[in-house]
Amino acid sequence: MNYIAQNDLKITLKEKSKSHRVYIKNISHIQSSGYLSSVYFINGKTPITVSKLLKEFEVDLSKYEFLRICRNILVNKQNIQTIQNSNTRIITMVGGENLTISCRNYPKINRILRK
């Protein structure tokens, strides 16, 4: 699969009364809770919560190497630091946050990251 480089590309995130233009390369991961999705950044900036389904983010960002690691988390492949295969399959992001990969998605994610 050919991916599009993330350099200098921005995405618009619309909060209740604000719109934010952020660089895609600075997004660490996106975590959803129902109809709300929180966008986390590698620099530790406060997450932005938007009213958008994770599935919509997945469709929009899949061409920029974003991977769904479980039911409610989408990660930026460019910002993955390490992957661990222990009893709990864990990805460590550049910002230091640890995220758990689902059992079902682990083989696929591991195969993609080993390339």
PDB file of N, CA and C in Angstrom:
ATOM      1  N   MET A   1       0.832  -1.178   0.000  1.00  0.00           N
ATOM      2  CA  MET A   1       0.000   0.000   0.000  1.00  0.00           C
ATOM      3  C   MET A   1       0.879   1.244   0.000  1.00  0.00           C
ATOM      4  N   ASN A   2       0.586   2.178  -0.857  1.00  0.00           N
ATOM      5  CA  ASN A   2       1.328   3.428  -0.925  1.00  0.00           C
ATOM      6  C   ASN A   2       0.676   4.456  -0.010  1.00  0.00           C
ATOM      7  N   TYR A   3       1.505   5.025   0.860  1.00  0.00           N
ATOM      8  CA  TYR A   3       1.008   6.017   1.788  1.00  0.00           C
ATOM      9  C   TYR A   3       1.448   7.400   1.350  1.00  0.00           C
ATOM     10  N   ILE A   4       0.698   8.407   1.737  1.00  0.00           N
ATOM     11  CA  ILE A   4       1.023   9.793   1.440  1.00  0.00           C
ATOM     12  C   ILE A   4       1.810  10.353   2.617  1.00  0.00           C
ATOM     13  N   ALA A   5       2.892  11.067   2.320  1.00  0.00           N
ATOM     14  CA  ALA A   5       3.727  11.643   3.375  1.00  0.00           C
ATOM     15  C   ALA A   5       2.932  12.666   4.187  1.00  0.00           C
ATOM     16  N   GLN A   6       3.201  12.697   5.493  1.00  0.00           N
ATOM     17  CA  GLN A   6       2.465  13.566   6.405  1.00  0.00           C
ATOM     18  C   GLN A   6       3.056  14.965   6.517  1.00  0.00           C
ATOM     19  N   ASN A   7       4.230  15.177   5.983  1.00  0.00           N
ATOM     20  CA  ASN A   7       4.911  16.462   6.149  1.00  0.00           C
ATOM     21  C   ASN A   7       4.065  17.621   5.642  1.00  0.00           C
ATOM     22  N   ASP A   8       3.941  18.626   6.477  1.00  0.00           N
ATOM     23  CA  ASP A   8       3.262  19.878   6.150  1.00  0.00           C
ATOM     24  C   ASP A   8       1.795  19.725   5.771  1.00  0.00           C
ATOM     25  N   LEU A   9       1.166  18.605   6.088  1.00  0.00           N
ATOM     26  CA  LEU A   9      -0.265  18.435   5.844  1.00  0.00           C
ATOM     27  C   LEU A   9      -1.019  18.706   7.135  1.00  0.00           C
ATOM     28  N   LYS A  10      -2.133  19.408   7.019  1.00  0.00           N
ATOM     29  CA  LYS A  10      -2.932  19.766   8.189  1.00  0.00           C
ATOM     30  C   LYS A  10      -4.331  19.186   8.063  1.00  0.00           C
ATOM     31  N   ILE A  11      -4.961  19.032   9.213  1.00  0.00           N
ATOM     32  CA  ILE A  11      -6.349  18.591   9.292  1.00  0.00           C
ATOM     33  C   ILE A  11      -7.094  19.592  10.172  1.00  0.00           C
ATOM     34  N   THR A  12      -8.355  19.815   9.863  1.00  0.00           N
ATOM     35  CA  THR A  12      -9.174  20.729  10.659  1.00  0.00           C
ATOM     36  C   THR A  12      -9.988  19.935  11.665  1.00  0.00           C
ATOM     37  N   LEU A  13      -9.876  20.330  12.923  1.00  0.00           N
ATOM     38  CA  LEU A  13     -10.635  19.708  14.005  1.00  0.00           C
ATOM     39  C   LEU A  13     -11.602  20.750  14.552  1.00  0.00           C
ATOM     40  N   LYS A  14     -12.889  20.424  14.530  1.00  0.00           N
ATOM     41  CA  LYS A  14     -13.909  21.387  14.955  1.00  0.00           C
ATOM     42  C   LYS A  14     -14.453  21.015  16.328  1.00  0.00           C
ATOM     43  N   GLU A  15     -14.121  21.859  17.314  1.00  0.00           N
ATOM     44  CA  GLU A  15     -14.700  21.732  18.650  1.00  0.00           C
ATOM     45  C   GLU A  15     -16.037  22.458  18.655  1.00  0.00           C
ATOM     46  N   LYS A  16     -16.621  22.601  19.825  1.00  0.00           N
ATOM     47  CA  LYS A  16     -17.925  23.280  19.927  1.00  0.00           C
ATOM     48  C   LYS A  16     -17.916  24.655  19.282  1.00  0.00           C
ATOM     49  N   SER A  17     -17.018  25.523  19.724  1.00  0.00           N
ATOM     50  CA  SER A  17     -17.018  26.891  19.233  1.00  0.00           C
ATOM     51  C   SER A  17     -15.716  27.284  18.536  1.00  0.00           C
ATOM     52  N   LYS A  18     -14.787  26.337  18.381  1.00  0.00           N
ATOM     53  CA  LYS A  18     -13.485  26.632  17.791  1.00  0.00           C
ATOM     54  C   LYS A  18     -13.166  25.634  16.693  1.00  0.00           C
ATOM     55  N   SER A  19     -12.341  26.081  15.782  1.00  0.00           N
ATOM     56  CA  SER A  19     -11.764  25.182  14.779  1.00  0.00           C
ATOM     57  C   SER A  19     -10.255  25.249  14.923  1.00  0.00           C
ATOM     58  N   HIS A  20      -9.614  24.088  14.905  1.00  0.00           N
ATOM     59  CA  HIS A  20      -8.163  24.005  15.048  1.00  0.00           C
ATOM     60  C   HIS A  20      -7.589  23.404  13.772  1.00  0.00           C
ATOM     61  N   ARG A  21      -6.509  24.003  13.265  1.00  0.00           N
ATOM     62  CA  ARG A  21      -5.765  23.413  12.152  1.00  0.00           C
ATOM     63  C   ARG A  21      -4.488  22.842  12.746  1.00  0.00           C
ATOM     64  N   VAL A  22      -4.320  21.523  12.667  1.00  0.00           N
ATOM     65  CA  VAL A  22      -3.162  20.870  13.279  1.00  0.00           C
ATOM     66  C   VAL A  22      -2.434  20.044  12.224  1.00  0.00           C
ATOM     67  N   TYR A  23      -1.126  19.919  12.408  1.00  0.00           N
ATOM     68  CA  TYR A  23      -0.330  19.075  11.526  1.00  0.00           C
ATOM     69  C   TYR A  23      -0.630  17.606  11.820  1.00  0.00           C
ATOM     70  N   ILE A  24      -0.819  16.830  10.774  1.00  0.00           N
ATOM     71  CA  ILE A  24      -1.100  15.403  10.927  1.00  0.00           C
ATOM     72  C   ILE A  24       0.075  14.711  11.606  1.00  0.00           C
ATOM     73  N   LYS A  25       1.295  15.129  11.293  1.00  0.00           N
ATOM     74  CA  LYS A  25       2.480  14.484  11.869  1.00  0.00           C
ATOM     75  C   LYS A  25       2.579  14.666  13.380  1.00  0.00           C
ATOM     76  N   ASN A  26       1.876  15.657  13.950  1.00  0.00           N
ATOM     77  CA  ASN A  26       1.913  15.895  15.391  1.00  0.00           C
ATOM     78  C   ASN A  26       0.860  15.108  16.155  1.00  0.00           C
ATOM     79  N   ILE A  27      -0.025  14.410  15.457  1.00  0.00           N
ATOM     80  CA  ILE A  27      -1.056  13.608  16.124  1.00  0.00           C
ATOM     81  C   ILE A  27      -0.437  12.284  16.558  1.00  0.00           C
ATOM     82  N   SER A  28      -0.542  11.985  17.837  1.00  0.00           N
ATOM     83  CA  SER A  28      -0.058  10.727  18.384  1.00  0.00           C
ATOM     84  C   SER A  28      -1.093   9.630  18.154  1.00  0.00           C
ATOM     85  N   HIS A  29      -2.300   9.862  18.669  1.00  0.00           N
ATOM     86  CA  HIS A  29      -3.376   8.889  18.513  1.00  0.00           C
ATOM     87  C   HIS A  29      -4.723   9.570  18.724  1.00  0.00           C
ATOM     88  N   ILE A  30      -5.768   8.856  18.330  1.00  0.00           N
ATOM     89  CA  ILE A  30      -7.135   9.339  18.489  1.00  0.00           C
ATOM     90  C   ILE A  30      -7.897   8.269  19.250  1.00  0.00           C
ATOM     91  N   GLN A  31      -8.560   8.674  20.314  1.00  0.00           N
ATOM     92  CA  GLN A  31      -9.302   7.741  21.154  1.00  0.00           C
ATOM     93  C   GLN A  31     -10.761   8.168  21.201  1.00  0.00           C
ATOM     94  N   SER A  32     -11.658   7.205  21.005  1.00  0.00           N
ATOM     95  CA  SER A  32     -13.076   7.560  20.965  1.00  0.00           C
ATOM     96  C   SER A  32     -13.821   7.033  22.178  1.00  0.00           C
ATOM     97  N   SER A  33     -14.912   7.719  22.444  1.00  0.00           N
ATOM     98  CA  SER A  33     -15.854   7.302  23.471  1.00  0.00           C
ATOM     99  C   SER A  33     -17.233   7.642  22.923  1.00  0.00           C
ATOM    100  N   GLY A  34     -17.836   6.671  22.253  1.00  0.00           N
ATOM    101  CA  GLY A  34     -19.128   6.923  21.615  1.00  0.00           C
ATOM    102  C   GLY A  34     -18.969   7.842  20.416  1.00  0.00           C
ATOM    103  N   TYR A  35     -19.715   8.942  20.431  1.00  0.00           N
ATOM    104  CA  TYR A  35     -19.667   9.891  19.318  1.00  0.00           C
ATOM    105  C   TYR A  35     -18.605  10.970  19.486  1.00  0.00           C
ATOM    106  N   LEU A  36     -17.869  10.930  20.582  1.00  0.00           N
ATOM    107  CA  LEU A  36     -16.813  11.906  20.808  1.00  0.00           C
ATOM    108  C   LEU A  36     -15.453  11.257  20.612  1.00  0.00           C
ATOM    109  N   SER A  37     -14.563  11.957  19.945  1.00  0.00           N
ATOM    110  CA  SER A  37     -13.199  11.477  19.735  1.00  0.00           C
ATOM    111  C   SER A  37     -12.231  12.508  20.278  1.00  0.00           C
ATOM    112  N   SER A  38     -11.228  12.039  21.021  1.00  0.00           N
ATOM    113  CA  SER A  38     -10.189  12.917  21.561  1.00  0.00           C
ATOM    114  C   SER A  38      -8.916  12.708  20.762  1.00  0.00           C
ATOM    115  N   VAL A  39      -8.355  13.798  20.248  1.00  0.00           N
ATOM    116  CA  VAL A  39      -7.135  13.759  19.454  1.00  0.00           C
ATOM    117  C   VAL A  39      -5.971  14.136  20.362  1.00  0.00           C
ATOM    118  N   TYR A  40      -5.000  13.223  20.512  1.00  0.00           N
ATOM    119  CA  TYR A  40      -3.836  13.420  21.375  1.00  0.00           C
ATOM    120  C   TYR A  40      -2.620  13.756  20.521  1.00  0.00           C
ATOM    121  N   PHE A  41      -1.713  14.549  21.087  1.00  0.00           N
ATOM    122  CA  PHE A  41      -0.565  15.036  20.346  1.00  0.00           C
ATOM    123  C   PHE A  41       0.739  14.552  20.966  1.00  0.00           C
ATOM    124  N   ILE A  42       1.811  14.484  20.141  1.00  0.00           N
ATOM    125  CA  ILE A  42       3.101  13.982  20.609  1.00  0.00           C
ATOM    126  C   ILE A  42       3.793  14.953  21.552  1.00  0.00           C
ATOM    127  N   ASN A  43       3.474  16.230  21.474  1.00  0.00           N
ATOM    128  CA  ASN A  43       4.135  17.226  22.315  1.00  0.00           C
ATOM    129  C   ASN A  43       3.457  17.417  23.668  1.00  0.00           C
ATOM    130  N   GLY A  44       2.470  16.577  23.987  1.00  0.00           N
ATOM    131  CA  GLY A  44       1.801  16.651  25.271  1.00  0.00           C
ATOM    132  C   GLY A  44       0.763  17.757  25.370  1.00  0.00           C
ATOM    133  N   LYS A  45       0.478  18.412  24.265  1.00  0.00           N
ATOM    134  CA  LYS A  45      -0.546  19.462  24.228  1.00  0.00           C
ATOM    135  C   LYS A  45      -1.887  18.879  24.666  1.00  0.00           C
ATOM    136  N   THR A  46      -2.742  19.708  25.226  1.00  0.00           N
ATOM    137  CA  THR A  46      -4.063  19.269  25.674  1.00  0.00           C
ATOM    138  C   THR A  46      -4.832  18.639  24.511  1.00  0.00           C
ATOM    139  N   PRO A  47      -5.432  17.458  24.734  1.00  0.00           N
ATOM    140  CA  PRO A  47      -6.192  16.813  23.657  1.00  0.00           C
ATOM    141  C   PRO A  47      -7.382  17.670  23.224  1.00  0.00           C
ATOM    142  N   ILE A  48      -7.714  17.539  21.949  1.00  0.00           N
ATOM    143  CA  ILE A  48      -8.870  18.243  21.389  1.00  0.00           C
ATOM    144  C   ILE A  48      -9.985  17.225  21.225  1.00  0.00           C
ATOM    145  N   THR A  49     -11.157  17.505  21.789  1.00  0.00           N
ATOM    146  CA  THR A  49     -12.299  16.597  21.694  1.00  0.00           C
ATOM    147  C   THR A  49     -13.265  17.123  20.644  1.00  0.00           C
ATOM    148  N   VAL A  50     -13.566  16.253  19.686  1.00  0.00           N
ATOM    149  CA  VAL A  50     -14.464  16.625  18.588  1.00  0.00           C
ATOM    150  C   VAL A  50     -15.611  15.629  18.507  1.00  0.00           C
ATOM    151  N   SER A  51     -16.695  16.064  17.926  1.00  0.00           N
ATOM    152  CA  SER A  51     -17.863  15.212  17.737  1.00  0.00           C
ATOM    153  C   SER A  51     -17.765  14.559  16.363  1.00  0.00           C
ATOM    154  N   LYS A  52     -16.991  13.474  16.311  1.00  0.00           N
ATOM    155  CA  LYS A  52     -16.752  12.763  15.058  1.00  0.00           C
ATOM    156  C   LYS A  52     -16.462  11.310  15.405  1.00  0.00           C
ATOM    157  N   LEU A  53     -17.039  10.399  14.653  1.00  0.00           N
ATOM    158  CA  LEU A  53     -16.825   8.979  14.900  1.00  0.00           C
ATOM    159  C   LEU A  53     -15.398   8.572  14.550  1.00  0.00           C
ATOM    160  N   LEU A  54     -14.869   7.594  15.259  1.00  0.00           N
ATOM    161  CA  LEU A  54     -13.536   7.093  14.984  1.00  0.00           C
ATOM    162  C   LEU A  54     -13.469   6.505  13.576  1.00  0.00           C
ATOM    163  N   LYS A  55     -14.547   5.891  13.130  1.00  0.00           N
ATOM    164  CA  LYS A  55     -14.598   5.321  11.778  1.00  0.00           C
ATOM    165  C   LYS A  55     -14.358   6.397  10.720  1.00  0.00           C
ATOM    166  N   GLU A  56     -14.886   7.598  10.929  1.00  0.00           N
ATOM    167  CA  GLU A  56     -14.674   8.698   9.985  1.00  0.00           C
ATOM    168  C   GLU A  56     -13.203   9.112   9.958  1.00  0.00           C
ATOM    169  N   PHE A  57     -12.572   9.186  11.143  1.00  0.00           N
ATOM    170  CA  PHE A  57     -11.139   9.479  11.200  1.00  0.00           C
ATOM    171  C   PHE A  57     -10.346   8.380  10.498  1.00  0.00           C
ATOM    172  N   GLU A  58     -10.726   7.143  10.714  1.00  0.00           N
ATOM    173  CA  GLU A  58     -10.024   6.017  10.106  1.00  0.00           C
ATOM    174  C   GLU A  58     -10.066   6.111   8.582  1.00  0.00           C
ATOM    175  N   VAL A  59     -11.206   6.426   8.022  1.00  0.00           N
ATOM    176  CA  VAL A  59     -11.335   6.565   6.570  1.00  0.00           C
ATOM    177  C   VAL A  59     -10.497   7.742   6.069  1.00  0.00           C
ATOM    178  N   ASP A  60     -10.579   8.872   6.754  1.00  0.00           N
ATOM    179  CA  ASP A  60      -9.858  10.076   6.329  1.00  0.00           C
ATOM    180  C   ASP A  60      -8.340   9.939   6.455  1.00  0.00           C
ATOM    181  N   LEU A  61      -7.861   9.247   7.493  1.00  0.00           N
ATOM    182  CA  LEU A  61      -6.433   9.227   7.796  1.00  0.00           C
ATOM    183  C   LEU A  61      -5.708   7.930   7.431  1.00  0.00           C
ATOM    184  N   SER A  62      -6.399   6.936   6.916  1.00  0.00           N
ATOM    185  CA  SER A  62      -5.738   5.661   6.595  1.00  0.00           C
ATOM    186  C   SER A  62      -4.644   5.832   5.541  1.00  0.00           C
ATOM    187  N   LYS A  63      -4.810   6.773   4.649  1.00  0.00           N
ATOM    188  CA  LYS A  63      -3.790   7.001   3.610  1.00  0.00           C
ATOM    189  C   LYS A  63      -2.539   7.678   4.161  1.00  0.00           C
ATOM    190  N   TYR A  64      -2.585   8.133   5.409  1.00  0.00           N
ATOM    191  CA  TYR A  64      -1.436   8.759   6.073  1.00  0.00           C
ATOM    192  C   TYR A  64      -0.827   7.843   7.132  1.00  0.00           C
ATOM    193  N   GLU A  65      -1.019   6.553   7.012  1.00  0.00           N
ATOM    194  CA  GLU A  65      -0.450   5.535   7.897  1.00  0.00           C
ATOM    195  C   GLU A  65      -1.005   5.576   9.321  1.00  0.00           C
ATOM    196  N   PHE A  66      -2.294   5.764   9.470  1.00  0.00           N
ATOM    197  CA  PHE A  66      -2.946   5.632  10.767  1.00  0.00           C
ATOM    198  C   PHE A  66      -3.526   4.229  10.841  1.00  0.00           C
ATOM    199  N   LEU A  67      -3.321   3.561  11.976  1.00  0.00           N
ATOM    200  CA  LEU A  67      -3.736   2.174  12.154  1.00  0.00           C
ATOM    201  C   LEU A  67      -4.703   2.057  13.324  1.00  0.00           C
ATOM    202  N   ARG A  68      -5.722   1.246  13.149  1.00  0.00           N
ATOM    203  CA  ARG A  68      -6.668   0.989  14.237  1.00  0.00           C
ATOM    204  C   ARG A  68      -6.137  -0.193  15.032  1.00  0.00           C
ATOM    205  N   ILE A  69      -5.800   0.053  16.303  1.00  0.00           N
ATOM    206  CA  ILE A  69      -5.213  -1.015  17.115  1.00  0.00           C
ATOM    207  C   ILE A  69      -6.237  -1.707  17.998  1.00  0.00           C
ATOM    208  N   CYS A  70      -7.371  -1.087  18.210  1.00  0.00           N
ATOM    209  CA  CYS A  70      -8.456  -1.717  18.951  1.00  0.00           C
ATOM    210  C   CYS A  70      -9.753  -0.983  18.617  1.00  0.00           C
ATOM    211  N   ARG A  71     -10.802  -1.366  19.270  1.00  0.00           N
ATOM    212  CA  ARG A  71     -12.131  -0.837  18.971  1.00  0.00           C
ATOM    213  C   ARG A  71     -12.220   0.681  19.076  1.00  0.00           C
ATOM    214  N   ASN A  72     -11.463   1.287  19.975  1.00  0.00           N
ATOM    215  CA  ASN A  72     -11.617   2.721  20.209  1.00  0.00           C
ATOM    216  C   ASN A  72     -10.336   3.551  20.091  1.00  0.00           C
ATOM    217  N   ILE A  73      -9.270   2.995  19.471  1.00  0.00           N
ATOM    218  CA  ILE A  73      -8.021   3.755  19.349  1.00  0.00           C
ATOM    219  C   ILE A  73      -7.456   3.632  17.932  1.00  0.00           C
ATOM    220  N   LEU A  74      -7.069   4.775  17.387  1.00  0.00           N
ATOM    221  CA  LEU A  74      -6.412   4.879  16.093  1.00  0.00           C
ATOM    222  C   LEU A  74      -5.062   5.545  16.337  1.00  0.00           C
ATOM    223  N   VAL A  75      -3.964   4.937  15.875  1.00  0.00           N
ATOM    224  CA  VAL A  75      -2.633   5.490  16.136  1.00  0.00           C
ATOM    225  C   VAL A  75      -1.951   5.916  14.846  1.00  0.00           C
ATOM    226  N   ASN A  76      -1.048   6.874  14.983  1.00  0.00           N
ATOM    227  CA  ASN A  76      -0.220   7.338  13.875  1.00  0.00           C
ATOM    228  C   ASN A  76       1.024   6.460  13.838  1.00  0.00           C
ATOM    229  N   LYS A  77       1.177   5.675  12.787  1.00  0.00           N
ATOM    230  CA  LYS A  77       2.306   4.747  12.669  1.00  0.00           C
ATOM    231  C   LYS A  77       3.643   5.468  12.768  1.00  0.00           C
ATOM    232  N   GLN A  78       3.711   6.703  12.293  1.00  0.00           N
ATOM    233  CA  GLN A  78       4.950   7.477  12.328  1.00  0.00           C
ATOM    234  C   GLN A  78       5.407   7.789  13.752  1.00  0.00           C
ATOM    235  N   ASN A  79       4.484   7.776  14.708  1.00  0.00           N
ATOM    236  CA  ASN A  79       4.809   8.160  16.081  1.00  0.00           C
ATOM    237  C   ASN A  79       4.849   6.981  17.047  1.00  0.00           C
ATOM    238  N   ILE A  80       4.973   5.764  16.527  1.00  0.00           N
ATOM    239  CA  ILE A  80       5.118   4.589  17.385  1.00  0.00           C
ATOM    240  C   ILE A  80       6.594   4.419  17.710  1.00  0.00           C
ATOM    241  N   GLN A  81       6.884   4.305  19.003  1.00  0.00           N
ATOM    242  CA  GLN A  81       8.266   4.153  19.433  1.00  0.00           C
ATOM    243  C   GLN A  81       8.635   2.678  19.568  1.00  0.00           C
ATOM    244  N   THR A  82       7.843   1.906  20.330  1.00  0.00           N
ATOM    245  CA  THR A  82       8.113   0.474  20.499  1.00  0.00           C
ATOM    246  C   THR A  82       6.806  -0.312  20.524  1.00  0.00           C
ATOM    247  N   ILE A  83       6.942  -1.611  20.260  1.00  0.00           N
ATOM    248  CA  ILE A  83       5.813  -2.533  20.380  1.00  0.00           C
ATOM    249  C   ILE A  83       6.292  -3.706  21.226  1.00  0.00           C
ATOM    250  N   GLN A  84       5.486  -4.092  22.215  1.00  0.00           N
ATOM    251  CA  GLN A  84       5.846  -5.181  23.126  1.00  0.00           C
ATOM    252  C   GLN A  84       4.832  -6.301  23.007  1.00  0.00           C
ATOM    253  N   ASN A  85       5.325  -7.532  23.003  1.00  0.00           N
ATOM    254  CA  ASN A  85       4.427  -8.682  23.006  1.00  0.00           C
ATOM    255  C   ASN A  85       4.597  -9.409  24.330  1.00  0.00           C
ATOM    256  N   SER A  86       3.860  -8.959  25.295  1.00  0.00           N
ATOM    257  CA  SER A  86       3.825  -9.644  26.586  1.00  0.00           C
ATOM    258  C   SER A  86       2.392 -10.099  26.789  1.00  0.00           C
ATOM    259  N   ASN A  87       1.985 -10.350  28.010  1.00  0.00           N
ATOM    260  CA  ASN A  87       0.591 -10.737  28.255  1.00  0.00           C
ATOM    261  C   ASN A  87      -0.380  -9.674  27.763  1.00  0.00           C
ATOM    262  N   THR A  88       0.008  -8.419  27.906  1.00  0.00           N
ATOM    263  CA  THR A  88      -0.789  -7.332  27.331  1.00  0.00           C
ATOM    264  C   THR A  88       0.048  -6.721  26.211  1.00  0.00           C
ATOM    265  N   ARG A  89      -0.452  -6.774  25.026  1.00  0.00           N
ATOM    266  CA  ARG A  89       0.266  -6.261  23.866  1.00  0.00           C
ATOM    267  C   ARG A  89       0.222  -4.739  23.909  1.00  0.00           C
ATOM    268  N   ILE A  90       1.394  -4.102  24.025  1.00  0.00           N
ATOM    269  CA  ILE A  90       1.459  -2.662  24.269  1.00  0.00           C
ATOM    270  C   ILE A  90       2.286  -1.961  23.200  1.00  0.00           C
ATOM    271  N   ILE A  91       1.768  -0.816  22.743  1.00  0.00           N
ATOM    272  CA  ILE A  91       2.512   0.093  21.873  1.00  0.00           C
ATOM    273  C   ILE A  91       2.875   1.302  22.718  1.00  0.00           C
ATOM    274  N   THR A  92       4.141   1.723  22.650  1.00  0.00           N
ATOM    275  CA  THR A  92       4.572   2.942  23.314  1.00  0.00           C
ATOM    276  C   THR A  92       4.722   4.015  22.244  1.00  0.00           C
ATOM    277  N   MET A  93       4.052   5.134  22.456  1.00  0.00           N
ATOM    278  CA  MET A  93       4.079   6.231  21.495  1.00  0.00           C
ATOM    279  C   MET A  93       5.249   7.164  21.803  1.00  0.00           C
ATOM    280  N   VAL A  94       5.607   8.022  20.854  1.00  0.00           N
ATOM    281  CA  VAL A  94       6.718   8.961  21.010  1.00  0.00           C
ATOM    282  C   VAL A  94       6.538   9.834  22.253  1.00  0.00           C
ATOM    283  N   GLY A  95       5.345  10.250  22.573  1.00  0.00           N
ATOM    284  CA  GLY A  95       5.100  11.074  23.751  1.00  0.00           C
ATOM    285  C   GLY A  95       5.211  10.312  25.063  1.00  0.00           C
ATOM    286  N   GLY A  96       5.397   8.976  25.006  1.00  0.00           N
ATOM    287  CA  GLY A  96       5.550   8.170  26.204  1.00  0.00           C
ATOM    288  C   GLY A  96       4.291   7.446  26.634  1.00  0.00           C
ATOM    289  N   GLU A  97       3.190   7.633  25.944  1.00  0.00           N
ATOM    290  CA  GLU A  97       1.935   6.999  26.329  1.00  0.00           C
ATOM    291  C   GLU A  97       1.908   5.539  25.866  1.00  0.00           C
ATOM    292  N   ASN A  98       1.416   4.655  26.734  1.00  0.00           N
ATOM    293  CA  ASN A  98       1.278   3.235  26.416  1.00  0.00           C
ATOM    294  C   ASN A  98      -0.164   2.925  26.036  1.00  0.00           C
ATOM    295  N   LEU A  99      -0.346   2.239  24.903  1.00  0.00           N
ATOM    296  CA  LEU A  99      -1.667   1.879  24.408  1.00  0.00           C
ATOM    297  C   LEU A  99      -1.724   0.382  24.181  1.00  0.00           C
ATOM    298  N   THR A 100      -2.850  -0.237  24.508  1.00  0.00           N
ATOM    299  CA  THR A 100      -3.001  -1.685  24.383  1.00  0.00           C
ATOM    300  C   THR A 100      -3.613  -2.050  23.037  1.00  0.00           C
ATOM    301  N   ILE A 101      -3.013  -3.059  22.393  1.00  0.00           N
ATOM    302  CA  ILE A 101      -3.513  -3.573  21.116  1.00  0.00           C
ATOM    303  C   ILE A 101      -4.460  -4.720  21.417  1.00  0.00           C
ATOM    304  N   SER A 102      -5.564  -4.801  20.701  1.00  0.00           N
ATOM    305  CA  SER A 102      -6.504  -5.900  20.912  1.00  0.00           C
ATOM    306  C   SER A 102      -5.892  -7.214  20.418  1.00  0.00           C
ATOM    307  N   CYS A 103      -6.360  -8.321  20.991  1.00  0.00           N
ATOM    308  CA  CYS A 103      -5.878  -9.651  20.598  1.00  0.00           C
ATOM    309  C   CYS A 103      -6.103  -9.899  19.109  1.00  0.00           C
ATOM    310  N   ARG A 104      -7.248  -9.490  18.632  1.00  0.00           N
ATOM    311  CA  ARG A 104      -7.618  -9.732  17.243  1.00  0.00           C
ATOM    312  C   ARG A 104      -6.759  -8.921  16.266  1.00  0.00           C
ATOM    313  N   ASN A 105      -6.392  -7.714  16.624  1.00  0.00           N
ATOM    314  CA  ASN A 105      -5.623  -6.852  15.727  1.00  0.00           C
ATOM    315  C   ASN A 105      -4.112  -7.015  15.845  1.00  0.00           C
ATOM    316  N   TYR A 106      -3.625  -7.685  16.897  1.00  0.00           N
ATOM    317  CA  TYR A 106      -2.183  -7.759  17.122  1.00  0.00           C
ATOM    318  C   TYR A 106      -1.410  -8.369  15.948  1.00  0.00           C
ATOM    319  N   PRO A 107      -1.823  -9.527  15.394  1.00  0.00           N
ATOM    320  CA  PRO A 107      -1.037 -10.084  14.279  1.00  0.00           C
ATOM    321  C   PRO A 107      -0.938  -9.133  13.085  1.00  0.00           C
ATOM    322  N   LYS A 108      -2.022  -8.466  12.742  1.00  0.00           N
ATOM    323  CA  LYS A 108      -2.033  -7.535  11.622  1.00  0.00           C
ATOM    324  C   LYS A 108      -1.121  -6.344  11.910  1.00  0.00           C
ATOM    325  N   ILE A 109      -1.237  -5.761  13.095  1.00  0.00           N
ATOM    326  CA  ILE A 109      -0.424  -4.596  13.469  1.00  0.00           C
ATOM    327  C   ILE A 109       1.050  -4.971  13.513  1.00  0.00           C
ATOM    328  N   ASN A 110       1.361  -6.109  14.083  1.00  0.00           N
ATOM    329  CA  ASN A 110       2.744  -6.574  14.182  1.00  0.00           C
ATOM    330  C   ASN A 110       3.342  -6.770  12.797  1.00  0.00           C
ATOM    331  N   ARG A 111       2.594  -7.347  11.887  1.00  0.00           N
ATOM    332  CA  ARG A 111       3.056  -7.579  10.523  1.00  0.00           C
ATOM    333  C   ARG A 111       3.317  -6.250   9.806  1.00  0.00           C
ATOM    334  N   ILE A 112       2.440  -5.284   9.979  1.00  0.00           N
ATOM    335  CA  ILE A 112       2.606  -3.971   9.342  1.00  0.00           C
ATOM    336  C   ILE A 112       3.827  -3.247   9.895  1.00  0.00           C
ATOM    337  N   LEU A 113       4.023  -3.319  11.197  1.00  0.00           N
ATOM    338  CA  LEU A 113       5.148  -2.607  11.820  1.00  0.00           C
ATOM    339  C   LEU A 113       6.487  -3.252  11.550  1.00  0.00           C
ATOM    340  N   ARG A 114       6.511  -4.533  11.240  1.00  0.00           N
ATOM    341  CA  ARG A 114       7.768  -5.230  10.959  1.00  0.00           C
ATOM    342  C   ARG A 114       8.299  -4.930   9.563  1.00  0.00           C
ATOM    343  N   LYS A 115       7.471  -4.356   8.691  1.00  0.00           N
ATOM    344  CA  LYS A 115       7.890  -4.054   7.306  1.00  0.00           C
ATOM    345  C   LYS A 115       8.861  -2.925   7.286  1.00  0.00           C
TER     346      LYS A 115
END
